């Protein structure tokens, strides 16, 4: 089945560069670099001298910070 690009299933095992990960998260690659330096942000891999992010880790990181608007109103 041929899906439009936006609807294609994600390969969550894919490894992304810092710039690709930043694009996926709608951030600057500098933000991810700073988070790494500060020990914050999503998990990453260091393969030799290259930094890589697992797509599944980026999704999990974003979902962790997701807020339910109904719960915010009840507080």
N, C-alpha and C. Protein backbone atom coordinates (compact mmCIF):
# COMPACT_ATOMS: atom_id res chain seq x y z
N UNK A 1 0.85 -1.17 0.00
CA UNK A 1 0.00 0.00 0.00
C UNK A 1 0.89 1.23 0.00
N UNK A 2 0.56 2.19 -0.84
CA UNK A 2 1.37 3.40 -0.97
C UNK A 2 0.70 4.54 -0.21
N UNK A 3 1.30 4.93 0.93
CA UNK A 3 0.77 6.00 1.77
C UNK A 3 1.36 7.33 1.36
N UNK A 4 0.59 8.44 1.52
CA UNK A 4 1.22 9.76 1.38
C UNK A 4 2.32 9.88 2.44
N UNK A 5 3.31 10.69 2.18
CA UNK A 5 4.47 10.81 3.07
C UNK A 5 4.08 11.02 4.52
N UNK A 6 3.12 11.89 4.80
CA UNK A 6 2.74 12.19 6.17
C UNK A 6 2.08 11.00 6.88
N UNK A 7 1.57 10.04 6.12
CA UNK A 7 0.86 8.91 6.72
C UNK A 7 1.66 7.62 6.72
N UNK A 8 2.86 7.64 6.22
CA UNK A 8 3.68 6.42 6.19
C UNK A 8 4.07 6.00 7.59
N UNK A 9 4.08 4.69 7.84
CA UNK A 9 4.52 4.22 9.16
C UNK A 9 5.98 4.62 9.40
N UNK A 10 6.29 4.98 10.63
CA UNK A 10 7.65 5.39 10.96
C UNK A 10 8.52 4.18 11.27
N UNK A 11 9.75 4.21 10.82
CA UNK A 11 10.73 3.19 11.18
C UNK A 11 11.38 3.65 12.48
N UNK A 12 10.83 3.20 13.61
CA UNK A 12 11.27 3.71 14.90
C UNK A 12 12.67 3.24 15.29
N UNK A 13 13.23 2.29 14.55
CA UNK A 13 14.59 1.82 14.85
C UNK A 13 15.64 2.65 14.12
N UNK A 14 15.18 3.57 13.29
CA UNK A 14 16.10 4.37 12.49
C UNK A 14 16.94 5.28 13.39
N UNK A 15 18.21 5.43 13.03
CA UNK A 15 19.11 6.35 13.75
C UNK A 15 19.21 7.65 12.97
N UNK A 16 19.04 8.76 13.68
CA UNK A 16 19.05 10.08 13.06
C UNK A 16 20.27 10.87 13.51
N UNK A 17 20.77 11.71 12.63
CA UNK A 17 21.83 12.65 13.00
C UNK A 17 21.21 13.74 13.89
N UNK A 18 22.05 14.58 14.46
CA UNK A 18 21.55 15.67 15.29
C UNK A 18 20.65 16.60 14.48
N UNK A 19 21.04 16.93 13.27
CA UNK A 19 20.23 17.83 12.44
C UNK A 19 18.90 17.18 12.06
N UNK A 20 18.91 15.88 11.75
CA UNK A 20 17.66 15.19 11.42
C UNK A 20 16.75 15.12 12.64
N UNK A 21 17.33 14.83 13.81
CA UNK A 21 16.55 14.76 15.04
C UNK A 21 15.95 16.12 15.37
N UNK A 22 16.73 17.18 15.19
CA UNK A 22 16.24 18.53 15.46
C UNK A 22 15.08 18.86 14.52
N UNK A 23 15.21 18.50 13.26
CA UNK A 23 14.14 18.74 12.29
C UNK A 23 12.88 17.99 12.70
N UNK A 24 13.03 16.73 13.13
CA UNK A 24 11.89 15.93 13.56
C UNK A 24 11.19 16.57 14.76
N UNK A 25 11.98 17.13 15.68
CA UNK A 25 11.42 17.71 16.91
C UNK A 25 11.09 19.19 16.77
N UNK A 26 11.32 19.74 15.58
CA UNK A 26 11.07 21.15 15.32
C UNK A 26 11.89 22.05 16.26
N UNK A 27 13.17 21.71 16.38
CA UNK A 27 14.11 22.46 17.22
C UNK A 27 15.34 22.81 16.39
N UNK A 28 16.15 23.68 16.93
CA UNK A 28 17.46 23.95 16.34
C UNK A 28 18.41 22.81 16.72
N UNK A 29 19.33 22.47 15.83
CA UNK A 29 20.32 21.44 16.18
C UNK A 29 21.20 21.93 17.33
N UNK A 30 21.34 23.24 17.46
CA UNK A 30 22.11 23.81 18.57
C UNK A 30 21.44 23.53 19.91
N UNK A 31 20.11 23.50 19.92
CA UNK A 31 19.38 23.17 21.15
C UNK A 31 19.72 21.76 21.60
N UNK A 32 19.69 20.81 20.67
CA UNK A 32 20.04 19.43 21.02
C UNK A 32 21.49 19.33 21.48
N UNK A 33 22.38 20.06 20.84
CA UNK A 33 23.79 20.06 21.26
C UNK A 33 23.93 20.60 22.68
N UNK A 34 23.22 21.69 22.97
CA UNK A 34 23.29 22.27 24.31
C UNK A 34 22.69 21.33 25.35
N UNK A 35 21.56 20.70 25.03
CA UNK A 35 20.95 19.75 25.95
C UNK A 35 21.92 18.61 26.27
N UNK A 36 22.62 18.11 25.24
CA UNK A 36 23.60 17.03 25.48
C UNK A 36 24.68 17.51 26.44
N UNK A 37 25.18 18.71 26.22
CA UNK A 37 26.25 19.27 27.07
C UNK A 37 25.76 19.42 28.51
N UNK A 38 24.48 19.78 28.67
CA UNK A 38 23.91 19.98 30.00
C UNK A 38 23.40 18.68 30.63
N UNK A 39 23.42 17.59 29.87
CA UNK A 39 22.91 16.32 30.37
C UNK A 39 21.39 16.26 30.37
N UNK A 40 20.76 17.01 29.49
CA UNK A 40 19.31 17.06 29.38
C UNK A 40 18.88 16.53 28.02
N UNK A 41 17.56 16.58 27.78
CA UNK A 41 17.03 16.22 26.48
C UNK A 41 16.89 14.73 26.29
N UNK A 42 16.58 14.34 25.05
CA UNK A 42 16.34 12.92 24.75
C UNK A 42 17.64 12.11 24.79
N UNK A 43 17.52 10.80 25.04
CA UNK A 43 18.71 9.94 25.02
C UNK A 43 19.37 9.95 23.63
N UNK A 44 20.67 9.74 23.61
CA UNK A 44 21.40 9.69 22.34
C UNK A 44 22.46 8.61 22.43
N UNK A 45 22.96 8.23 21.28
CA UNK A 45 24.04 7.24 21.18
C UNK A 45 25.29 7.94 20.69
N UNK A 46 26.41 7.51 21.17
CA UNK A 46 27.69 7.99 20.66
C UNK A 46 28.36 6.79 19.99
N UNK A 47 28.41 6.81 18.68
CA UNK A 47 29.02 5.72 17.91
C UNK A 47 30.33 6.25 17.35
N UNK A 48 31.41 5.77 17.96
CA UNK A 48 32.74 6.35 17.72
C UNK A 48 32.67 7.83 18.05
N UNK A 49 32.78 8.71 17.07
CA UNK A 49 32.73 10.14 17.35
C UNK A 49 31.43 10.77 16.86
N UNK A 50 30.50 9.92 16.43
CA UNK A 50 29.25 10.43 15.86
C UNK A 50 28.10 10.29 16.86
N UNK A 51 27.26 11.31 16.93
CA UNK A 51 26.08 11.29 17.79
C UNK A 51 24.88 10.88 16.94
N UNK A 52 24.08 9.97 17.47
CA UNK A 52 22.87 9.52 16.78
C UNK A 52 21.73 9.44 17.78
N UNK A 53 20.53 9.69 17.28
CA UNK A 53 19.31 9.59 18.09
C UNK A 53 18.42 8.51 17.50
N UNK A 54 17.86 7.67 18.36
CA UNK A 54 16.87 6.69 17.91
C UNK A 54 15.53 7.41 17.76
N UNK A 55 14.87 7.19 16.66
CA UNK A 55 13.58 7.81 16.43
C UNK A 55 12.60 7.45 17.55
N UNK A 56 12.61 6.21 17.99
CA UNK A 56 11.72 5.76 19.08
C UNK A 56 11.98 6.57 20.35
N UNK A 57 13.25 6.88 20.65
CA UNK A 57 13.58 7.67 21.84
C UNK A 57 13.06 9.10 21.73
N UNK A 58 13.12 9.67 20.53
CA UNK A 58 12.62 11.03 20.32
C UNK A 58 11.10 11.07 20.52
N UNK A 59 10.41 10.08 19.99
CA UNK A 59 8.95 10.00 20.15
C UNK A 59 8.60 9.84 21.62
N UNK A 60 9.29 8.96 22.30
CA UNK A 60 9.05 8.73 23.73
C UNK A 60 9.31 10.01 24.53
N UNK A 61 10.36 10.73 24.20
CA UNK A 61 10.69 11.97 24.89
C UNK A 61 9.59 13.01 24.70
N UNK A 62 9.09 13.12 23.48
CA UNK A 62 8.02 14.08 23.21
C UNK A 62 6.73 13.68 23.93
N UNK A 63 6.42 12.40 23.95
CA UNK A 63 5.20 11.94 24.62
C UNK A 63 5.29 12.13 26.12
N UNK A 64 6.46 12.01 26.68
CA UNK A 64 6.66 12.21 28.12
C UNK A 64 6.28 13.62 28.54
N UNK A 65 6.55 14.59 27.68
CA UNK A 65 6.26 15.98 27.99
C UNK A 65 4.87 16.43 27.53
N UNK A 66 4.10 15.51 26.96
CA UNK A 66 2.76 15.86 26.48
C UNK A 66 1.84 16.13 27.66
N UNK A 67 1.02 17.18 27.54
CA UNK A 67 0.08 17.56 28.59
C UNK A 67 -1.34 17.38 28.08
N UNK A 68 -2.22 16.91 28.97
CA UNK A 68 -3.63 16.76 28.66
C UNK A 68 -4.34 18.05 29.08
N UNK A 69 -4.93 18.80 28.15
CA UNK A 69 -5.57 20.07 28.49
C UNK A 69 -6.67 19.92 29.53
N UNK A 70 -7.40 18.81 29.53
CA UNK A 70 -8.47 18.62 30.52
C UNK A 70 -7.90 18.50 31.93
N UNK A 71 -6.75 17.85 32.08
CA UNK A 71 -6.14 17.73 33.40
C UNK A 71 -5.60 19.08 33.89
N UNK A 72 -5.18 19.93 32.98
CA UNK A 72 -4.67 21.24 33.38
C UNK A 72 -5.80 22.10 33.94
N UNK A 73 -7.01 21.98 33.37
CA UNK A 73 -8.14 22.77 33.84
C UNK A 73 -8.64 22.31 35.21
N UNK A 74 -8.47 21.02 35.50
CA UNK A 74 -8.95 20.47 36.76
C UNK A 74 -8.04 20.84 37.93
N UNK A 75 -6.81 21.19 37.64
CA UNK A 75 -5.85 21.49 38.71
C UNK A 75 -6.08 22.81 39.39
